[in-house]
Amino acid sequence: MNIPLPKVPSLLKSKRACNFCKNISPTSEPVHLNVEKIGPYIELNCFENVNSVIKTKGGNIEYGWLIWETLPDLMMEAEFHAIWIDINNVRHDITPKQFGIEYGLFLPDPTTKYENSQIDNIRIPLINDTLIINYIKNSEEYFRLTNDKGLAFCEEIKETKEIRTNRLSNIRIFSEIIKKYY
């Protein structure tokens, strides 16, 4: 099974990415940012990483979304994220990405803040396929189920039968997507 890596959309080539960004934060302009290795920061821990660098170097936090084609050419996703704005008002993405991805498309969002509670990703299908649509619905349901059980506040959760069933269903759907398209 060949699992594709997420793809960072190009604003110059992807009208879908531009439209997706406008639907999320209509007044903001997305920017491509390289991941800067300026500290021992942890993947998927952007809020603490940025707060840590602010304590040592000053500056501010900017909230927004990382835009991915999580399943290239099939599904686009926005992941809530934070970057560091240094004392000269320059943006820096200091959080390492999974799979060694070295840059991202960041969409500032002045209307959404991180308040120690998980925020679900925003997902859209790029093709009309029930597998992709079901994968998105299942992912949203998984988020709802796990956040009802404590993950919303970053607590450890115990997997219930309903959560397990949903998780296994999403694994099955994902496998079907991979077999069909990749």
N, C-alpha and C. Protein backbone atom coordinates (compact mmCIF):
# COMPACT_ATOMS: atom_id res chain seq x y z
N MET A 1 0.84 -1.17 0.00
CA MET A 1 0.00 0.00 0.00
C MET A 1 0.89 1.24 0.00
N ASN A 2 0.70 2.09 -1.00
CA ASN A 2 1.50 3.30 -1.14
C ASN A 2 0.71 4.48 -0.58
N ILE A 3 1.09 4.95 0.61
CA ILE A 3 0.39 6.06 1.25
C ILE A 3 1.08 7.37 0.86
N PRO A 4 0.32 8.28 0.25
CA PRO A 4 0.92 9.55 -0.20
C PRO A 4 1.19 10.49 0.96
N LEU A 5 2.21 11.32 0.80
CA LEU A 5 2.47 12.37 1.78
C LEU A 5 1.54 13.54 1.53
N PRO A 6 1.15 14.26 2.59
CA PRO A 6 0.35 15.47 2.38
C PRO A 6 1.10 16.44 1.48
N LYS A 7 0.35 17.21 0.72
CA LYS A 7 0.93 18.17 -0.22
C LYS A 7 0.54 19.57 0.22
N VAL A 8 1.50 20.48 0.16
CA VAL A 8 1.23 21.89 0.44
C VAL A 8 0.77 22.53 -0.86
N PRO A 9 -0.45 23.06 -0.89
CA PRO A 9 -0.92 23.65 -2.15
C PRO A 9 -0.18 24.94 -2.49
N SER A 10 -0.02 25.16 -3.76
CA SER A 10 0.58 26.40 -4.26
C SER A 10 -0.52 27.40 -4.53
N LEU A 11 -0.38 28.60 -4.01
CA LEU A 11 -1.38 29.64 -4.25
C LEU A 11 -1.41 30.06 -5.71
N LEU A 12 -0.28 29.94 -6.39
CA LEU A 12 -0.21 30.34 -7.79
C LEU A 12 -0.92 29.33 -8.70
N LYS A 13 -0.97 28.06 -8.26
CA LYS A 13 -1.50 27.01 -9.12
C LYS A 13 -2.86 26.49 -8.67
N SER A 14 -3.27 26.80 -7.45
CA SER A 14 -4.48 26.17 -6.93
C SER A 14 -5.57 27.19 -6.59
N LYS A 15 -6.51 27.32 -7.51
CA LYS A 15 -7.66 28.18 -7.25
C LYS A 15 -8.49 27.61 -6.10
N ARG A 16 -8.52 26.26 -6.00
CA ARG A 16 -9.26 25.62 -4.90
C ARG A 16 -8.70 26.03 -3.56
N ALA A 17 -7.36 26.10 -3.44
CA ALA A 17 -6.74 26.51 -2.17
C ALA A 17 -7.10 27.95 -1.85
N CYS A 18 -7.08 28.82 -2.86
CA CYS A 18 -7.43 30.23 -2.64
C CYS A 18 -8.88 30.35 -2.17
N ASN A 19 -9.79 29.64 -2.81
CA ASN A 19 -11.20 29.68 -2.42
C ASN A 19 -11.41 29.10 -1.02
N PHE A 20 -10.72 28.01 -0.72
CA PHE A 20 -10.81 27.39 0.61
C PHE A 20 -10.38 28.39 1.68
N CYS A 21 -9.27 29.07 1.44
CA CYS A 21 -8.76 30.07 2.39
C CYS A 21 -9.76 31.21 2.57
N LYS A 22 -10.33 31.69 1.48
CA LYS A 22 -11.30 32.80 1.57
C LYS A 22 -12.54 32.40 2.36
N ASN A 23 -12.93 31.14 2.25
CA ASN A 23 -14.09 30.66 3.01
C ASN A 23 -13.79 30.56 4.51
N ILE A 24 -12.54 30.33 4.86
CA ILE A 24 -12.16 30.19 6.28
C ILE A 24 -11.94 31.55 6.93
N SER A 25 -11.15 32.38 6.28
CA SER A 25 -10.81 33.70 6.84
C SER A 25 -10.79 34.72 5.70
N PRO A 26 -11.96 35.28 5.38
CA PRO A 26 -12.12 36.12 4.18
C PRO A 26 -11.22 37.35 4.12
N THR A 27 -10.80 37.87 5.25
CA THR A 27 -10.01 39.11 5.24
C THR A 27 -8.50 38.86 5.29
N SER A 28 -8.09 37.59 5.35
CA SER A 28 -6.66 37.27 5.49
C SER A 28 -6.07 36.75 4.20
N GLU A 29 -4.78 36.96 4.05
CA GLU A 29 -4.05 36.44 2.89
C GLU A 29 -3.12 35.32 3.36
N PRO A 30 -3.21 34.13 2.75
CA PRO A 30 -2.32 33.04 3.12
C PRO A 30 -0.89 33.32 2.65
N VAL A 31 0.08 32.76 3.39
CA VAL A 31 1.49 32.91 3.05
C VAL A 31 2.20 31.57 3.17
N HIS A 32 3.16 31.35 2.28
CA HIS A 32 4.01 30.17 2.42
C HIS A 32 5.13 30.51 3.40
N LEU A 33 5.34 29.63 4.37
CA LEU A 33 6.41 29.82 5.35
C LEU A 33 7.26 28.57 5.43
N ASN A 34 8.57 28.75 5.45
CA ASN A 34 9.47 27.63 5.71
C ASN A 34 9.45 27.30 7.19
N VAL A 35 9.63 26.04 7.53
CA VAL A 35 9.77 25.65 8.92
C VAL A 35 11.18 26.01 9.34
N GLU A 36 11.30 26.78 10.41
CA GLU A 36 12.61 27.22 10.90
C GLU A 36 12.99 26.41 12.12
N LYS A 37 14.15 25.82 12.05
CA LYS A 37 14.63 24.98 13.16
C LYS A 37 15.45 25.85 14.11
N ILE A 38 14.75 26.56 14.99
CA ILE A 38 15.45 27.47 15.90
C ILE A 38 15.45 26.98 17.33
N GLY A 39 14.93 25.82 17.57
CA GLY A 39 14.91 25.29 18.92
C GLY A 39 14.50 23.83 18.93
N PRO A 40 14.54 23.24 20.10
CA PRO A 40 14.15 21.83 20.22
C PRO A 40 12.62 21.69 20.32
N TYR A 41 11.92 22.13 19.30
CA TYR A 41 10.47 22.15 19.37
C TYR A 41 9.87 20.84 18.88
N ILE A 42 8.64 20.60 19.29
CA ILE A 42 7.99 19.31 19.11
C ILE A 42 6.89 19.41 18.04
N GLU A 43 6.82 18.39 17.17
CA GLU A 43 5.75 18.31 16.18
C GLU A 43 4.40 18.38 16.88
N LEU A 44 3.43 18.97 16.20
CA LEU A 44 2.04 19.04 16.67
C LEU A 44 1.88 19.75 18.01
N ASN A 45 2.83 20.60 18.36
CA ASN A 45 2.80 21.29 19.65
C ASN A 45 3.05 22.78 19.46
N CYS A 46 2.44 23.34 18.43
CA CYS A 46 2.74 24.72 18.03
C CYS A 46 2.44 25.73 19.12
N PHE A 47 1.36 25.57 19.86
CA PHE A 47 0.99 26.58 20.86
C PHE A 47 2.05 26.69 21.96
N GLU A 48 2.50 25.55 22.46
CA GLU A 48 3.55 25.58 23.48
C GLU A 48 4.89 25.99 22.88
N ASN A 49 5.18 25.55 21.66
CA ASN A 49 6.43 25.94 21.01
C ASN A 49 6.52 27.46 20.87
N VAL A 50 5.45 28.09 20.40
CA VAL A 50 5.46 29.53 20.20
C VAL A 50 5.53 30.26 21.54
N ASN A 51 4.78 29.80 22.52
CA ASN A 51 4.86 30.44 23.84
C ASN A 51 6.25 30.33 24.44
N SER A 52 6.93 29.22 24.17
CA SER A 52 8.29 29.03 24.67
C SER A 52 9.27 30.02 24.03
N VAL A 53 9.19 30.22 22.72
CA VAL A 53 10.11 31.15 22.05
C VAL A 53 9.79 32.59 22.44
N ILE A 54 8.53 32.91 22.68
CA ILE A 54 8.17 34.26 23.12
C ILE A 54 8.81 34.57 24.47
N LYS A 55 8.86 33.57 25.35
CA LYS A 55 9.46 33.78 26.68
C LYS A 55 10.94 34.11 26.58
N THR A 56 11.63 33.54 25.59
CA THR A 56 13.07 33.76 25.48
C THR A 56 13.45 34.89 24.52
N LYS A 57 12.64 35.11 23.47
CA LYS A 57 13.03 36.08 22.44
C LYS A 57 12.02 37.21 22.25
N GLY A 58 10.90 37.18 22.98
CA GLY A 58 9.89 38.22 22.80
C GLY A 58 9.04 37.95 21.58
N GLY A 59 8.24 38.92 21.23
CA GLY A 59 7.37 38.79 20.08
C GLY A 59 5.97 38.39 20.47
N ASN A 60 5.22 37.87 19.51
CA ASN A 60 3.81 37.53 19.71
C ASN A 60 3.46 36.22 19.02
N ILE A 61 2.27 35.75 19.34
CA ILE A 61 1.72 34.57 18.69
C ILE A 61 0.69 35.02 17.66
N GLU A 62 0.63 34.32 16.53
CA GLU A 62 -0.41 34.57 15.54
C GLU A 62 -1.11 33.24 15.28
N TYR A 63 -2.44 33.25 15.42
CA TYR A 63 -3.23 32.05 15.18
C TYR A 63 -3.70 32.02 13.74
N GLY A 64 -3.89 30.82 13.26
CA GLY A 64 -4.38 30.65 11.90
C GLY A 64 -4.50 29.17 11.57
N TRP A 65 -4.35 28.88 10.31
CA TRP A 65 -4.57 27.52 9.81
C TRP A 65 -3.45 27.12 8.86
N LEU A 66 -2.97 25.88 8.99
CA LEU A 66 -2.09 25.29 7.98
C LEU A 66 -3.00 24.63 6.96
N ILE A 67 -2.75 24.90 5.71
CA ILE A 67 -3.58 24.36 4.63
C ILE A 67 -2.81 23.24 3.94
N TRP A 68 -3.45 22.08 3.86
CA TRP A 68 -2.83 20.89 3.26
C TRP A 68 -3.78 20.25 2.27
N GLU A 69 -3.22 19.60 1.28
CA GLU A 69 -3.96 18.56 0.58
C GLU A 69 -3.56 17.28 1.30
N THR A 70 -4.32 16.95 2.32
CA THR A 70 -3.99 15.80 3.16
C THR A 70 -3.97 14.52 2.33
N LEU A 71 -4.95 14.39 1.47
CA LEU A 71 -4.96 13.34 0.47
C LEU A 71 -4.83 14.06 -0.87
N PRO A 72 -3.61 14.14 -1.42
CA PRO A 72 -3.39 14.94 -2.63
C PRO A 72 -4.42 14.67 -3.73
N ASP A 73 -4.98 15.77 -4.22
CA ASP A 73 -5.97 15.78 -5.29
C ASP A 73 -7.33 15.20 -4.88
N LEU A 74 -7.48 14.81 -3.59
CA LEU A 74 -8.74 14.22 -3.13
C LEU A 74 -9.40 15.00 -2.00
N MET A 75 -8.58 15.52 -1.07
CA MET A 75 -9.13 16.20 0.11
C MET A 75 -8.18 17.28 0.59
N MET A 76 -8.76 18.46 0.86
CA MET A 76 -7.98 19.56 1.43
C MET A 76 -8.41 19.74 2.88
N GLU A 77 -7.44 20.16 3.70
CA GLU A 77 -7.69 20.25 5.13
C GLU A 77 -6.99 21.48 5.70
N ALA A 78 -7.66 22.12 6.64
CA ALA A 78 -7.06 23.24 7.38
C ALA A 78 -6.89 22.78 8.82
N GLU A 79 -5.68 22.91 9.32
CA GLU A 79 -5.35 22.49 10.69
C GLU A 79 -5.03 23.74 11.50
N PHE A 80 -5.75 23.93 12.63
CA PHE A 80 -5.52 25.11 13.44
C PHE A 80 -4.08 25.12 13.90
N HIS A 81 -3.43 26.29 13.86
CA HIS A 81 -1.98 26.37 14.04
C HIS A 81 -1.60 27.74 14.62
N ALA A 82 -0.40 27.82 15.13
CA ALA A 82 0.14 29.09 15.61
C ALA A 82 1.57 29.26 15.12
N ILE A 83 1.90 30.51 14.80
CA ILE A 83 3.27 30.84 14.42
C ILE A 83 3.77 31.96 15.33
N TRP A 84 5.07 32.19 15.29
CA TRP A 84 5.70 33.23 16.09
C TRP A 84 5.92 34.46 15.22
N ILE A 85 5.56 35.63 15.77
CA ILE A 85 5.88 36.91 15.14
C ILE A 85 6.98 37.54 15.99
N ASP A 86 8.17 37.73 15.40
CA ASP A 86 9.29 38.24 16.19
C ASP A 86 9.12 39.74 16.49
N ILE A 87 10.08 40.29 17.21
CA ILE A 87 9.97 41.69 17.64
C ILE A 87 10.03 42.67 16.47
N ASN A 88 10.48 42.19 15.29
CA ASN A 88 10.50 43.02 14.07
C ASN A 88 9.27 42.78 13.20
N ASN A 89 8.29 42.07 13.75
CA ASN A 89 7.02 41.79 13.08
C ASN A 89 7.18 40.85 11.88
N VAL A 90 8.17 39.94 11.96
CA VAL A 90 8.40 38.94 10.90
C VAL A 90 7.81 37.61 11.37
N ARG A 91 7.10 36.95 10.47
CA ARG A 91 6.48 35.66 10.78
C ARG A 91 7.49 34.52 10.70
N HIS A 92 7.35 33.57 11.65
CA HIS A 92 8.21 32.38 11.67
C HIS A 92 7.36 31.17 12.05
N ASP A 93 7.45 30.10 11.26
CA ASP A 93 6.84 28.83 11.65
C ASP A 93 7.95 27.99 12.26
N ILE A 94 7.88 27.80 13.57
CA ILE A 94 8.97 27.12 14.28
C ILE A 94 8.63 25.69 14.67
N THR A 95 7.44 25.23 14.32
CA THR A 95 7.01 23.89 14.72
C THR A 95 7.32 22.89 13.62
N PRO A 96 8.14 21.87 13.93
CA PRO A 96 8.45 20.85 12.91
C PRO A 96 7.17 20.17 12.43
N LYS A 97 7.17 19.80 11.15
CA LYS A 97 6.02 19.12 10.56
C LYS A 97 6.30 17.63 10.47
N GLN A 98 5.23 16.87 10.45
CA GLN A 98 5.36 15.43 10.28
C GLN A 98 5.92 15.13 8.90
N PHE A 99 6.50 13.97 8.76
CA PHE A 99 7.03 13.46 7.49
C PHE A 99 8.17 14.31 6.94
N GLY A 100 8.76 15.18 7.77
CA GLY A 100 9.88 16.00 7.32
C GLY A 100 9.49 17.11 6.37
N ILE A 101 8.23 17.47 6.32
CA ILE A 101 7.79 18.57 5.45
C ILE A 101 8.43 19.86 5.95
N GLU A 102 9.02 20.62 5.03
CA GLU A 102 9.84 21.76 5.42
C GLU A 102 9.19 23.13 5.22
N TYR A 103 7.97 23.16 4.72
CA TYR A 103 7.28 24.45 4.58
C TYR A 103 5.78 24.20 4.62
N GLY A 104 5.03 25.27 4.80
CA GLY A 104 3.58 25.13 4.86
C GLY A 104 2.90 26.38 4.33
N LEU A 105 1.62 26.24 4.10
CA LEU A 105 0.78 27.37 3.70
C LEU A 105 -0.01 27.78 4.94
N PHE A 106 0.27 28.97 5.44
CA PHE A 106 -0.34 29.47 6.67
C PHE A 106 -1.36 30.54 6.34
N LEU A 107 -2.56 30.38 6.90
CA LEU A 107 -3.64 31.35 6.73
C LEU A 107 -3.93 32.00 8.08
N PRO A 108 -3.56 33.27 8.29
CA PRO A 108 -3.88 33.94 9.55
C PRO A 108 -5.39 33.99 9.76
N ASP A 109 -5.80 33.88 11.02
CA ASP A 109 -7.22 33.96 11.35
C ASP A 109 -7.37 34.79 12.63
N PRO A 110 -7.67 36.07 12.48
CA PRO A 110 -7.79 36.93 13.66
C PRO A 110 -9.05 36.67 14.49
N THR A 111 -9.95 35.81 14.00
CA THR A 111 -11.21 35.57 14.72
C THR A 111 -11.21 34.32 15.59
N THR A 112 -10.21 33.46 15.43
CA THR A 112 -10.17 32.20 16.18
C THR A 112 -8.93 32.20 17.08
N LYS A 113 -9.13 31.85 18.33
CA LYS A 113 -8.04 31.82 19.32
C LYS A 113 -7.97 30.42 19.94
N TYR A 114 -6.78 30.05 20.35
CA TYR A 114 -6.60 28.80 21.09
C TYR A 114 -6.81 29.10 22.57
N GLU A 115 -7.74 28.37 23.18
CA GLU A 115 -8.05 28.57 24.59
C GLU A 115 -7.97 27.27 25.35
N ASN A 116 -6.86 26.53 25.15
CA ASN A 116 -6.60 25.25 25.81
C ASN A 116 -7.66 24.21 25.51
N SER A 117 -8.26 24.30 24.36
CA SER A 117 -9.25 23.33 23.92
C SER A 117 -9.01 23.02 22.45
N GLN A 118 -9.05 21.74 22.10
CA GLN A 118 -8.81 21.33 20.72
C GLN A 118 -9.80 22.00 19.77
N ILE A 119 -9.36 22.30 18.57
CA ILE A 119 -10.20 22.85 17.51
C ILE A 119 -10.11 21.88 16.33
N ASP A 120 -11.25 21.43 15.86
CA ASP A 120 -11.26 20.45 14.78
C ASP A 120 -10.74 21.06 13.49
N ASN A 121 -10.15 20.20 12.66
CA ASN A 121 -9.72 20.61 11.33
C ASN A 121 -10.94 20.90 10.47
N ILE A 122 -10.73 21.69 9.44
CA ILE A 122 -11.76 21.95 8.44
C ILE A 122 -11.36 21.15 7.22
N ARG A 123 -12.28 20.33 6.71
CA ARG A 123 -11.97 19.44 5.60
C ARG A 123 -12.97 19.64 4.47
N ILE A 124 -12.46 19.56 3.23
CA ILE A 124 -13.35 19.58 2.07
C ILE A 124 -12.89 18.53 1.06
N PRO A 125 -13.84 17.90 0.38
CA PRO A 125 -13.46 16.98 -0.69
C PRO A 125 -13.05 17.78 -1.93
N LEU A 126 -12.09 17.27 -2.65
CA LEU A 126 -11.67 17.91 -3.90
C LEU A 126 -12.28 17.20 -5.11
N ILE A 127 -12.89 16.05 -4.84
CA ILE A 127 -13.61 15.31 -5.89
C ILE A 127 -14.93 14.84 -5.28
N ASN A 128 -15.86 14.49 -6.14
CA ASN A 128 -17.15 14.00 -5.68
C ASN A 128 -17.09 12.47 -5.59
N ASP A 129 -16.74 11.99 -4.40
CA ASP A 129 -16.61 10.55 -4.17
C ASP A 129 -17.13 10.25 -2.77
N THR A 130 -18.04 9.29 -2.66
CA THR A 130 -18.62 8.99 -1.34
C THR A 130 -17.56 8.50 -0.35
N LEU A 131 -16.50 7.87 -0.83
CA LEU A 131 -15.43 7.45 0.09
C LEU A 131 -14.81 8.67 0.78
N ILE A 132 -14.51 9.70 0.02
CA ILE A 132 -13.89 10.91 0.57
C ILE A 132 -14.89 11.61 1.50
N ILE A 133 -16.11 11.72 1.07
CA ILE A 133 -17.14 12.38 1.88
C ILE A 133 -17.36 11.62 3.19
N ASN A 134 -17.41 10.30 3.12
CA ASN A 134 -17.57 9.49 4.34
C ASN A 134 -16.35 9.60 5.25
N TYR A 135 -15.17 9.66 4.65
CA TYR A 135 -13.96 9.82 5.46
C TYR A 135 -14.01 11.14 6.23
N ILE A 136 -14.44 12.20 5.58
CA ILE A 136 -14.55 13.51 6.22
C ILE A 136 -15.60 13.46 7.34
N LYS A 137 -16.77 12.91 7.06
CA LYS A 137 -17.82 12.80 8.08
C LYS A 137 -17.34 11.99 9.28
N ASN A 138 -16.68 10.88 9.00
CA ASN A 138 -16.17 10.03 10.08
C ASN A 138 -15.11 10.76 10.91
N SER A 139 -14.25 11.52 10.25
CA SER A 139 -13.22 12.28 10.96
C SER A 139 -13.86 13.33 11.87
N GLU A 140 -14.88 13.99 11.38
CA GLU A 140 -15.58 14.99 12.20
C GLU A 140 -16.28 14.33 13.38
N GLU A 141 -16.86 13.16 13.16
CA GLU A 141 -17.52 12.43 14.25
C GLU A 141 -16.50 11.95 15.28
N TYR A 142 -15.33 11.50 14.81
CA TYR A 142 -14.27 11.08 15.74
C TYR A 142 -13.86 12.25 16.63
N PHE A 143 -13.70 13.41 16.03
CA PHE A 143 -13.34 14.59 16.82
C PHE A 143 -14.41 14.87 17.87
N ARG A 144 -15.68 14.83 17.45
CA ARG A 144 -16.78 15.09 18.38
C ARG A 144 -16.77 14.07 19.52
N LEU A 145 -16.63 12.81 19.19
CA LEU A 145 -16.65 11.75 20.21
C LEU A 145 -15.49 11.90 21.20
N THR A 146 -14.31 12.12 20.69
CA THR A 146 -13.15 12.20 21.58
C THR A 146 -13.14 13.48 22.39
N ASN A 147 -13.67 14.55 21.85
CA ASN A 147 -13.72 15.79 22.61
C ASN A 147 -14.80 15.77 23.67
N ASP A 148 -15.83 14.98 23.46
CA ASP A 148 -16.83 14.77 24.51
C ASP A 148 -16.22 14.00 25.69
N LYS A 149 -15.15 13.28 25.44
CA LYS A 149 -14.55 12.42 26.46
C LYS A 149 -13.28 13.00 27.09
N GLY A 150 -12.98 14.26 26.88
CA GLY A 150 -11.87 14.88 27.58
C GLY A 150 -10.75 15.43 26.74
N LEU A 151 -10.62 14.98 25.50
CA LEU A 151 -9.50 15.45 24.68
C LEU A 151 -9.60 16.95 24.41
N ALA A 152 -10.80 17.50 24.47
CA ALA A 152 -10.98 18.93 24.21
C ALA A 152 -10.04 19.77 25.06
N PHE A 153 -9.76 19.30 26.25
CA PHE A 153 -8.88 20.04 27.15
C PHE A 153 -7.56 19.31 27.34
N CYS A 154 -7.17 18.56 26.31
CA CYS A 154 -5.87 17.87 26.26
C CYS A 154 -5.71 16.85 27.38
N GLU A 155 -6.81 16.31 27.85
CA GLU A 155 -6.73 15.26 28.85
C GLU A 155 -6.63 13.92 28.15
N GLU A 156 -6.09 12.93 28.85
CA GLU A 156 -6.03 11.60 28.29
C GLU A 156 -7.45 11.03 28.26
N ILE A 157 -7.78 10.36 27.17
CA ILE A 157 -9.13 9.80 27.07
C ILE A 157 -9.08 8.28 27.08
N LYS A 158 -10.16 7.70 27.54
CA LYS A 158 -10.29 6.25 27.50
C LYS A 158 -11.15 5.92 26.29
N GLU A 159 -10.68 5.01 25.46
CA GLU A 159 -11.39 4.67 24.24
C GLU A 159 -12.63 3.85 24.57
N THR A 160 -13.79 4.41 24.24
CA THR A 160 -15.06 3.71 24.42
C THR A 160 -15.30 2.84 23.20
N LYS A 161 -16.34 2.01 23.28
CA LYS A 161 -16.70 1.16 22.15
C LYS A 161 -17.08 2.02 20.94
N GLU A 162 -17.80 3.11 21.18
CA GLU A 162 -18.21 4.00 20.10
C GLU A 162 -17.01 4.67 19.43
N ILE A 163 -16.05 5.11 20.22
CA ILE A 163 -14.83 5.73 19.67
C ILE A 163 -14.03 4.71 18.88
N ARG A 164 -13.89 3.51 19.42
CA ARG A 164 -13.14 2.44 18.76
C ARG A 164 -13.79 2.09 17.42
N THR A 165 -15.12 1.95 17.41
CA THR A 165 -15.85 1.62 16.18
C THR A 165 -15.62 2.70 15.13
N ASN A 166 -15.71 3.96 15.54
CA ASN A 166 -15.49 5.06 14.61
C ASN A 166 -14.06 5.04 14.07
N ARG A 167 -13.09 4.86 14.97
CA ARG A 167 -11.68 4.85 14.56
C ARG A 167 -11.41 3.74 13.56
N LEU A 168 -11.91 2.54 13.84
CA LEU A 168 -11.69 1.41 12.93
C LEU A 168 -12.40 1.62 11.60
N SER A 169 -13.56 2.25 11.63
CA SER A 169 -14.27 2.57 10.40
C SER A 169 -13.45 3.53 9.54
N ASN A 170 -12.85 4.52 10.18
CA ASN A 170 -12.04 5.47 9.42
C ASN A 170 -10.79 4.82 8.84
N ILE A 171 -10.21 3.90 9.57
CA ILE A 171 -9.06 3.16 9.04
C ILE A 171 -9.47 2.36 7.80
N ARG A 172 -10.63 1.72 7.86
CA ARG A 172 -11.13 0.94 6.73
C ARG A 172 -11.38 1.85 5.53
N ILE A 173 -12.05 3.00 5.75
CA ILE A 173 -12.33 3.93 4.66
C ILE A 173 -11.03 4.46 4.06
N PHE A 174 -10.08 4.83 4.92
CA PHE A 174 -8.78 5.33 4.46
C PHE A 174 -8.10 4.28 3.58
N SER A 175 -8.12 3.03 4.01
CA SER A 175 -7.50 1.95 3.23
C SER A 175 -8.16 1.81 1.87
N GLU A 176 -9.49 1.94 1.82
CA GLU A 176 -10.20 1.88 0.55
C GLU A 176 -9.80 3.04 -0.36
N ILE A 177 -9.65 4.22 0.21
CA ILE A 177 -9.22 5.39 -0.57
C ILE A 177 -7.84 5.15 -1.16
N ILE A 178 -6.93 4.67 -0.34
CA ILE A 178 -5.55 4.42 -0.79
C ILE A 178 -5.54 3.39 -1.93
N LYS A 179 -6.29 2.30 -1.75
CA LYS A 179 -6.34 1.26 -2.78
C LYS A 179 -6.91 1.81 -4.09
N LYS A 180 -7.94 2.63 -3.98
CA LYS A 180 -8.62 3.14 -5.17
C LYS A 180 -7.81 4.19 -5.93
N TYR A 181 -7.11 5.06 -5.19
CA TYR A 181 -6.48 6.21 -5.84
C TYR A 181 -4.96 6.20 -5.88
N TYR A 182 -4.33 5.44 -5.03
CA TYR A 182 -2.87 5.53 -4.99
C TYR A 182 -2.25 4.17 -5.24
